[in-house]
PDB file of all heavy atoms in Angstrom:
ATOM      1  N   ASN A   1      10.303   4.443 -12.033  1.00  0.00           N
ATOM      2  CA  ASN A   1       8.982   4.981 -12.472  1.00  0.00           C
ATOM      3  C   ASN A   1       7.849   4.418 -11.566  1.00  0.00           C
ATOM      4  O   ASN A   1       6.655   4.733 -11.953  1.00  0.00           O
ATOM      5  CB  ASN A   1       8.749   4.592 -13.949  1.00  0.00           C
ATOM      6  CG  ASN A   1       8.699   3.064 -14.232  1.00  0.00           C
ATOM      7  OD1 ASN A   1       8.865   2.302 -13.298  1.00  0.00           O
ATOM      8  ND2 ASN A   1       8.568   2.826 -15.405  1.00  0.00           N
ATOM      9  N   LYS A   2       8.151   3.717 -10.539  1.00  0.00           N
ATOM     10  CA  LYS A   2       7.116   3.165  -9.611  1.00  0.00           C
ATOM     11  C   LYS A   2       6.937   4.181  -8.398  1.00  0.00           C
ATOM     12  O   LYS A   2       7.833   4.913  -8.014  1.00  0.00           O
ATOM     13  CB  LYS A   2       7.477   1.904  -9.087  1.00  0.00           C
ATOM     14  CG  LYS A   2       7.595   0.780 -10.132  1.00  0.00           C
ATOM     15  CD  LYS A   2       7.915  -0.524  -9.623  1.00  0.00           C
ATOM     16  CE  LYS A   2       7.993  -1.601 -10.758  1.00  0.00           C
ATOM     17  NZ  LYS A   2       8.388  -2.963 -10.204  1.00  0.00           N
ATOM     18  N   THR A   3       5.649   4.354  -7.941  1.00  0.00           N
ATOM     19  CA  THR A   3       5.514   5.264  -6.914  1.00  0.00           C
ATOM     20  C   THR A   3       5.991   4.976  -5.639  1.00  0.00           C
ATOM     21  O   THR A   3       5.993   3.740  -5.326  1.00  0.00           O
ATOM     22  CB  THR A   3       3.844   5.618  -6.851  1.00  0.00           C
ATOM     23  OG1 THR A   3       3.257   4.364  -6.289  1.00  0.00           O
ATOM     24  CG2 THR A   3       3.323   5.918  -8.198  1.00  0.00           C
ATOM     25  N   PRO A   4       6.322   5.962  -4.839  1.00  0.00           N
ATOM     26  CA  PRO A   4       6.820   5.751  -3.481  1.00  0.00           C
ATOM     27  C   PRO A   4       5.767   4.913  -2.571  1.00  0.00           C
ATOM     28  O   PRO A   4       6.033   4.069  -1.763  1.00  0.00           O
ATOM     29  CB  PRO A   4       7.018   7.196  -2.865  1.00  0.00           C
ATOM     30  CG  PRO A   4       7.424   8.014  -4.101  1.00  0.00           C
ATOM     31  CD  PRO A   4       6.373   7.406  -5.054  1.00  0.00           C
ATOM     32  N   ALA A   5       4.457   5.289  -2.801  1.00  0.00           N
ATOM     33  CA  ALA A   5       3.417   4.606  -2.018  1.00  0.00           C
ATOM     34  C   ALA A   5       3.375   3.172  -2.335  1.00  0.00           C
ATOM     35  O   ALA A   5       3.183   2.272  -1.455  1.00  0.00           O
ATOM     36  CB  ALA A   5       2.122   5.272  -2.231  1.00  0.00           C
ATOM     37  N   SER A   6       3.505   2.847  -3.645  1.00  0.00           N
ATOM     38  CA  SER A   6       3.403   1.353  -4.011  1.00  0.00           C
ATOM     39  C   SER A   6       4.569   0.593  -3.431  1.00  0.00           C
ATOM     40  O   SER A   6       4.447  -0.611  -2.923  1.00  0.00           O
ATOM     41  CB  SER A   6       3.453   1.252  -5.434  1.00  0.00           C
ATOM     42  OG  SER A   6       4.661   1.584  -6.117  1.00  0.00           O
ATOM     43  N   TYR A   7       5.745   1.211  -3.382  1.00  0.00           N
ATOM     44  CA  TYR A   7       6.871   0.563  -2.788  1.00  0.00           C
ATOM     45  C   TYR A   7       6.597   0.237  -1.197  1.00  0.00           C
ATOM     46  O   TYR A   7       6.913  -0.779  -0.630  1.00  0.00           O
ATOM     47  CB  TYR A   7       8.181   1.319  -2.840  1.00  0.00           C
ATOM     48  CG  TYR A   7       9.069   0.914  -3.943  1.00  0.00           C
ATOM     49  CD1 TYR A   7       8.778   1.366  -5.156  1.00  0.00           C
ATOM     50  CD2 TYR A   7      10.129   0.105  -3.704  1.00  0.00           C
ATOM     51  CE1 TYR A   7       9.660   0.943  -6.323  1.00  0.00           C
ATOM     52  CE2 TYR A   7      11.066  -0.337  -4.738  1.00  0.00           C
ATOM     53  CZ  TYR A   7      10.777   0.135  -6.006  1.00  0.00           C
ATOM     54  OH  TYR A   7      11.569  -0.320  -7.093  1.00  0.00           O
ATOM     55  N   ALA A   8       6.091   1.318  -0.477  1.00  0.00           N
ATOM     56  CA  ALA A   8       5.858   1.120   0.879  1.00  0.00           C
ATOM     57  C   ALA A   8       4.720   0.194   1.153  1.00  0.00           C
ATOM     58  O   ALA A   8       4.882  -0.728   2.118  1.00  0.00           O
ATOM     59  CB  ALA A   8       5.357   2.574   1.478  1.00  0.00           C
ATOM     60  N   LEU A   9       3.634   0.037   0.367  1.00  0.00           N
ATOM     61  CA  LEU A   9       2.588  -0.858   0.625  1.00  0.00           C
ATOM     62  C   LEU A   9       3.106  -2.271   0.300  1.00  0.00           C
ATOM     63  O   LEU A   9       2.738  -3.325   0.959  1.00  0.00           O
ATOM     64  CB  LEU A   9       1.444  -0.583  -0.223  1.00  0.00           C
ATOM     65  CG  LEU A   9       0.710   0.748   0.136  1.00  0.00           C
ATOM     66  CD1 LEU A   9      -0.386   1.068  -0.961  1.00  0.00           C
ATOM     67  CD2 LEU A   9      -0.040   0.481   1.501  1.00  0.00           C
ATOM     68  N   ARG A  10       3.898  -2.457  -0.776  1.00  0.00           N
ATOM     69  CA  ARG A  10       4.380  -3.772  -1.152  1.00  0.00           C
ATOM     70  C   ARG A  10       5.321  -4.332  -0.095  1.00  0.00           C
ATOM     71  O   ARG A  10       5.406  -5.493   0.189  1.00  0.00           O
ATOM     72  CB  ARG A  10       5.056  -3.757  -2.526  1.00  0.00           C
ATOM     73  CG  ARG A  10       3.981  -3.664  -3.689  1.00  0.00           C
ATOM     74  CD  ARG A  10       4.679  -3.317  -5.030  1.00  0.00           C
ATOM     75  NE  ARG A  10       5.576  -4.411  -5.391  1.00  0.00           N
ATOM     76  CZ  ARG A  10       6.509  -4.409  -6.180  1.00  0.00           C
ATOM     77  NH1 ARG A  10       6.924  -3.248  -6.658  1.00  0.00           N
ATOM     78  NH2 ARG A  10       7.304  -5.515  -6.464  1.00  0.00           N
ATOM     79  N   TYR A  11       6.141  -3.389   0.565  1.00  0.00           N
ATOM     80  CA  TYR A  11       7.078  -3.741   1.531  1.00  0.00           C
ATOM     81  C   TYR A  11       6.182  -4.443   2.722  1.00  0.00           C
ATOM     82  O   TYR A  11       6.633  -5.490   3.224  1.00  0.00           O
ATOM     83  CB  TYR A  11       7.849  -2.649   2.053  1.00  0.00           C
ATOM     84  CG  TYR A  11       8.818  -2.841   3.270  1.00  0.00           C
ATOM     85  CD1 TYR A  11      10.097  -3.294   3.018  1.00  0.00           C
ATOM     86  CD2 TYR A  11       8.374  -2.783   4.559  1.00  0.00           C
ATOM     87  CE1 TYR A  11      10.996  -3.512   4.029  1.00  0.00           C
ATOM     88  CE2 TYR A  11       9.287  -2.995   5.548  1.00  0.00           C
ATOM     89  CZ  TYR A  11      10.555  -3.411   5.318  1.00  0.00           C
ATOM     90  OH  TYR A  11      11.360  -3.821   6.319  1.00  0.00           O
ATOM     91  N   ALA A  12       5.190  -3.683   3.227  1.00  0.00           N
ATOM     92  CA  ALA A  12       4.476  -4.196   4.284  1.00  0.00           C
ATOM     93  C   ALA A  12       3.650  -5.437   3.957  1.00  0.00           C
ATOM     94  O   ALA A  12       3.630  -6.414   4.737  1.00  0.00           O
ATOM     95  CB  ALA A  12       3.474  -3.056   4.720  1.00  0.00           C
ATOM     96  N   ALA A  13       3.010  -5.425   2.875  1.00  0.00           N
ATOM     97  CA  ALA A  13       2.084  -6.615   2.434  1.00  0.00           C
ATOM     98  C   ALA A  13       2.959  -7.817   2.159  1.00  0.00           C
ATOM     99  O   ALA A  13       2.413  -9.001   2.225  1.00  0.00           O
ATOM    100  CB  ALA A  13       1.284  -6.241   1.352  1.00  0.00           C
ATOM    101  N   GLY A  14       4.210  -7.694   1.837  1.00  0.00           N
ATOM    102  CA  GLY A  14       5.068  -8.777   1.569  1.00  0.00           C
ATOM    103  C   GLY A  14       5.583  -9.654   2.718  1.00  0.00           C
ATOM    104  O   GLY A  14       6.213 -10.724   2.557  1.00  0.00           O
ATOM    105  N   LEU A  15       5.370  -9.128   3.942  1.00  0.00           N
ATOM    106  CA  LEU A  15       5.819  -9.808   5.094  1.00  0.00           C
ATOM    107  C   LEU A  15       4.951 -10.993   5.342  1.00  0.00           C
ATOM    108  O   LEU A  15       3.631 -10.929   5.141  1.00  0.00           O
ATOM    109  CB  LEU A  15       5.730  -8.905   6.312  1.00  0.00           C
ATOM    110  CG  LEU A  15       6.777  -7.734   6.233  1.00  0.00           C
ATOM    111  CD1 LEU A  15       6.376  -6.711   7.350  1.00  0.00           C
ATOM    112  CD2 LEU A  15       8.284  -8.090   6.429  1.00  0.00           C
ATOM    113  N   ASP A  16       5.466 -12.068   5.954  1.00  0.00           N
ATOM    114  CA  ASP A  16       4.652 -13.264   6.264  1.00  0.00           C
ATOM    115  C   ASP A  16       3.715 -12.952   7.355  1.00  0.00           C
ATOM    116  O   ASP A  16       4.045 -12.265   8.242  1.00  0.00           O
ATOM    117  CB  ASP A  16       5.614 -14.438   6.667  1.00  0.00           C
ATOM    118  CG  ASP A  16       6.426 -14.988   5.521  1.00  0.00           C
ATOM    119  OD1 ASP A  16       6.024 -14.713   4.319  1.00  0.00           O
ATOM    120  OD2 ASP A  16       7.486 -15.503   5.755  1.00  0.00           O
ATOM    121  N   GLY A  17       2.519 -13.662   7.410  1.00  0.00           N
ATOM    122  CA  GLY A  17       1.629 -13.532   8.415  1.00  0.00           C
ATOM    123  C   GLY A  17       0.707 -12.324   8.393  1.00  0.00           C
ATOM    124  O   GLY A  17      -0.084 -12.028   9.336  1.00  0.00           O
ATOM    125  N   VAL A  18       0.799 -11.538   7.289  1.00  0.00           N
ATOM    126  CA  VAL A  18      -0.024 -10.363   7.231  1.00  0.00           C
ATOM    127  C   VAL A  18      -1.452 -10.681   6.766  1.00  0.00           C
ATOM    128  O   VAL A  18      -1.587 -11.183   5.613  1.00  0.00           O
ATOM    129  CB  VAL A  18       0.633  -9.264   6.338  1.00  0.00           C
ATOM    130  CG1 VAL A  18      -0.268  -8.116   6.137  1.00  0.00           C
ATOM    131  CG2 VAL A  18       1.917  -8.811   7.034  1.00  0.00           C
ATOM    132  N   LEU A  19      -2.392 -10.202   7.541  1.00  0.00           N
ATOM    133  CA  LEU A  19      -3.753 -10.363   7.085  1.00  0.00           C
ATOM    134  C   LEU A  19      -4.273  -9.291   6.192  1.00  0.00           C
ATOM    135  O   LEU A  19      -4.883  -9.503   5.197  1.00  0.00           O
ATOM    136  CB  LEU A  19      -4.661 -10.398   8.357  1.00  0.00           C
ATOM    137  CG  LEU A  19      -6.163 -10.359   8.227  1.00  0.00           C
ATOM    138  CD1 LEU A  19      -6.665 -11.569   7.467  1.00  0.00           C
ATOM    139  CD2 LEU A  19      -6.858 -10.417   9.638  1.00  0.00           C
ATOM    140  N   ALA A  20      -3.903  -8.012   6.545  1.00  0.00           N
ATOM    141  CA  ALA A  20      -4.333  -6.823   5.706  1.00  0.00           C
ATOM    142  C   ALA A  20      -3.455  -5.680   6.074  1.00  0.00           C
ATOM    143  O   ALA A  20      -2.816  -5.609   7.127  1.00  0.00           O
ATOM    144  CB  ALA A  20      -5.835  -6.439   6.069  1.00  0.00           C
ATOM    145  N   VAL A  21      -3.267  -4.838   5.059  1.00  0.00           N
ATOM    146  CA  VAL A  21      -2.448  -3.559   5.152  1.00  0.00           C
ATOM    147  C   VAL A  21      -3.421  -2.388   5.014  1.00  0.00           C
ATOM    148  O   VAL A  21      -4.156  -2.267   3.964  1.00  0.00           O
ATOM    149  CB  VAL A  21      -1.379  -3.541   4.107  1.00  0.00           C
ATOM    150  CG1 VAL A  21      -0.693  -2.169   4.256  1.00  0.00           C
ATOM    151  CG2 VAL A  21      -0.483  -4.656   4.225  1.00  0.00           C
ATOM    152  N   LEU A  22      -3.630  -1.586   6.078  1.00  0.00           N
ATOM    153  CA  LEU A  22      -4.472  -0.561   6.094  1.00  0.00           C
ATOM    154  C   LEU A  22      -3.944   0.680   5.450  1.00  0.00           C
ATOM    155  O   LEU A  22      -2.783   1.042   5.539  1.00  0.00           O
ATOM    156  CB  LEU A  22      -4.875  -0.126   7.515  1.00  0.00           C
ATOM    157  CG  LEU A  22      -5.524  -1.161   8.277  1.00  0.00           C
ATOM    158  CD1 LEU A  22      -5.801  -0.676   9.673  1.00  0.00           C
ATOM    159  CD2 LEU A  22      -6.885  -1.651   7.752  1.00  0.00           C
ATOM    160  N   SER A  23      -4.758   1.343   4.521  1.00  0.00           N
ATOM    161  CA  SER A  23      -4.369   2.596   3.869  1.00  0.00           C
ATOM    162  C   SER A  23      -5.542   3.575   4.116  1.00  0.00           C
ATOM    163  O   SER A  23      -6.680   3.277   3.794  1.00  0.00           O
ATOM    164  CB  SER A  23      -4.190   2.426   2.389  1.00  0.00           C
ATOM    165  OG  SER A  23      -3.818   3.626   1.812  1.00  0.00           O
ATOM    166  N   GLY A  24      -5.147   4.802   4.722  1.00  0.00           N
ATOM    167  CA  GLY A  24      -6.203   5.776   4.921  1.00  0.00           C
ATOM    168  C   GLY A  24      -6.262   6.670   3.651  1.00  0.00           C
ATOM    169  O   GLY A  24      -5.576   7.666   3.549  1.00  0.00           O
ATOM    170  N   MET A  25      -7.058   6.244   2.749  1.00  0.00           N
ATOM    171  CA  MET A  25      -7.225   6.882   1.505  1.00  0.00           C
ATOM    172  C   MET A  25      -8.041   8.057   1.443  1.00  0.00           C
ATOM    173  O   MET A  25      -9.275   8.027   1.885  1.00  0.00           O
ATOM    174  CB  MET A  25      -7.700   5.844   0.430  1.00  0.00           C
ATOM    175  CG  MET A  25      -6.727   4.687   0.199  1.00  0.00           C
ATOM    176  SD  MET A  25      -7.282   3.286  -0.682  1.00  0.00           S
ATOM    177  CE  MET A  25      -8.055   2.300   0.584  1.00  0.00           C
ATOM    178  N   SER A  26      -7.640   9.232   0.965  1.00  0.00           N
ATOM    179  CA  SER A  26      -8.340  10.406   0.993  1.00  0.00           C
ATOM    180  C   SER A  26      -8.863  10.976  -0.324  1.00  0.00           C
ATOM    181  O   SER A  26      -9.746  11.794  -0.408  1.00  0.00           O
ATOM    182  CB  SER A  26      -7.392  11.539   1.559  1.00  0.00           C
ATOM    183  OG  SER A  26      -6.839  11.201   2.806  1.00  0.00           O
ATOM    184  N   THR A  27      -8.414  10.306  -1.404  1.00  0.00           N
ATOM    185  CA  THR A  27      -8.810  10.695  -2.713  1.00  0.00           C
ATOM    186  C   THR A  27      -9.018   9.538  -3.602  1.00  0.00           C
ATOM    187  O   THR A  27      -8.458   8.475  -3.393  1.00  0.00           O
ATOM    188  CB  THR A  27      -7.752  11.733  -3.387  1.00  0.00           C
ATOM    189  OG1 THR A  27      -6.594  10.764  -3.648  1.00  0.00           O
ATOM    190  CG2 THR A  27      -7.340  12.755  -2.516  1.00  0.00           C
ATOM    191  N   PRO A  28      -9.864   9.696  -4.630  1.00  0.00           N
ATOM    192  CA  PRO A  28     -10.024   8.613  -5.635  1.00  0.00           C
ATOM    193  C   PRO A  28      -8.710   8.227  -6.206  1.00  0.00           C
ATOM    194  O   PRO A  28      -8.455   7.034  -6.557  1.00  0.00           O
ATOM    195  CB  PRO A  28     -10.940   9.133  -6.699  1.00  0.00           C
ATOM    196  CG  PRO A  28     -11.786  10.243  -5.895  1.00  0.00           C
ATOM    197  CD  PRO A  28     -10.782  10.820  -5.020  1.00  0.00           C
ATOM    198  N   GLU A  29      -7.778   9.116  -6.492  1.00  0.00           N
ATOM    199  CA  GLU A  29      -6.448   8.852  -7.069  1.00  0.00           C
ATOM    200  C   GLU A  29      -5.693   7.874  -6.186  1.00  0.00           C
ATOM    201  O   GLU A  29      -4.994   6.925  -6.668  1.00  0.00           O
ATOM    202  CB  GLU A  29      -5.787  10.195  -7.366  1.00  0.00           C
ATOM    203  CG  GLU A  29      -6.388  11.024  -8.380  1.00  0.00           C
ATOM    204  CD  GLU A  29      -7.523  11.909  -8.087  1.00  0.00           C
ATOM    205  OE1 GLU A  29      -7.737  11.897  -6.702  1.00  0.00           O
ATOM    206  OE2 GLU A  29      -8.342  12.292  -8.829  1.00  0.00           O
ATOM    207  N   GLN A  30      -5.631   8.189  -4.929  1.00  0.00           N
ATOM    208  CA  GLN A  30      -4.902   7.334  -3.959  1.00  0.00           C
ATOM    209  C   GLN A  30      -5.534   5.912  -4.044  1.00  0.00           C
ATOM    210  O   GLN A  30      -4.822   4.928  -4.014  1.00  0.00           O
ATOM    211  CB  GLN A  30      -5.036   7.840  -2.611  1.00  0.00           C
ATOM    212  CG  GLN A  30      -4.173   9.191  -2.331  1.00  0.00           C
ATOM    213  CD  GLN A  30      -4.458   9.777  -0.983  1.00  0.00           C
ATOM    214  OE1 GLN A  30      -5.174   9.223  -0.197  1.00  0.00           O
ATOM    215  NE2 GLN A  30      -3.729  10.884  -0.727  1.00  0.00           N
ATOM    216  N   LEU A  31      -6.848   5.739  -4.083  1.00  0.00           N
ATOM    217  CA  LEU A  31      -7.550   4.574  -4.124  1.00  0.00           C
ATOM    218  C   LEU A  31      -7.109   3.752  -5.364  1.00  0.00           C
ATOM    219  O   LEU A  31      -6.798   2.543  -5.246  1.00  0.00           O
ATOM    220  CB  LEU A  31      -9.036   4.744  -4.163  1.00  0.00           C
ATOM    221  CG  LEU A  31      -9.935   3.494  -4.301  1.00  0.00           C
ATOM    222  CD1 LEU A  31      -9.688   2.528  -3.206  1.00  0.00           C
ATOM    223  CD2 LEU A  31     -11.423   3.942  -4.406  1.00  0.00           C
ATOM    224  N   GLU A  32      -7.213   4.448  -6.536  1.00  0.00           N
ATOM    225  CA  GLU A  32      -6.853   3.702  -7.705  1.00  0.00           C
ATOM    226  C   GLU A  32      -5.362   3.188  -7.785  1.00  0.00           C
ATOM    227  O   GLU A  32      -5.023   2.168  -8.179  1.00  0.00           O
ATOM    228  CB  GLU A  32      -7.154   4.710  -8.965  1.00  0.00           C
ATOM    229  CG  GLU A  32      -8.608   4.941  -9.272  1.00  0.00           C
ATOM    230  CD  GLU A  32      -9.448   3.724  -9.421  1.00  0.00           C
ATOM    231  OE1 GLU A  32      -8.866   2.714 -10.045  1.00  0.00           O
ATOM    232  OE2 GLU A  32     -10.646   3.670  -9.120  1.00  0.00           O
TER     233      GLU A  32
END
């Protein structure tokens, strides 16, 4: 029941040494 986007973002942000993970957000729904 978790969204595909959340998995992808958590995969990237969970790596060591990461300062920020960029997301090109186009809608308020994506932002939320």
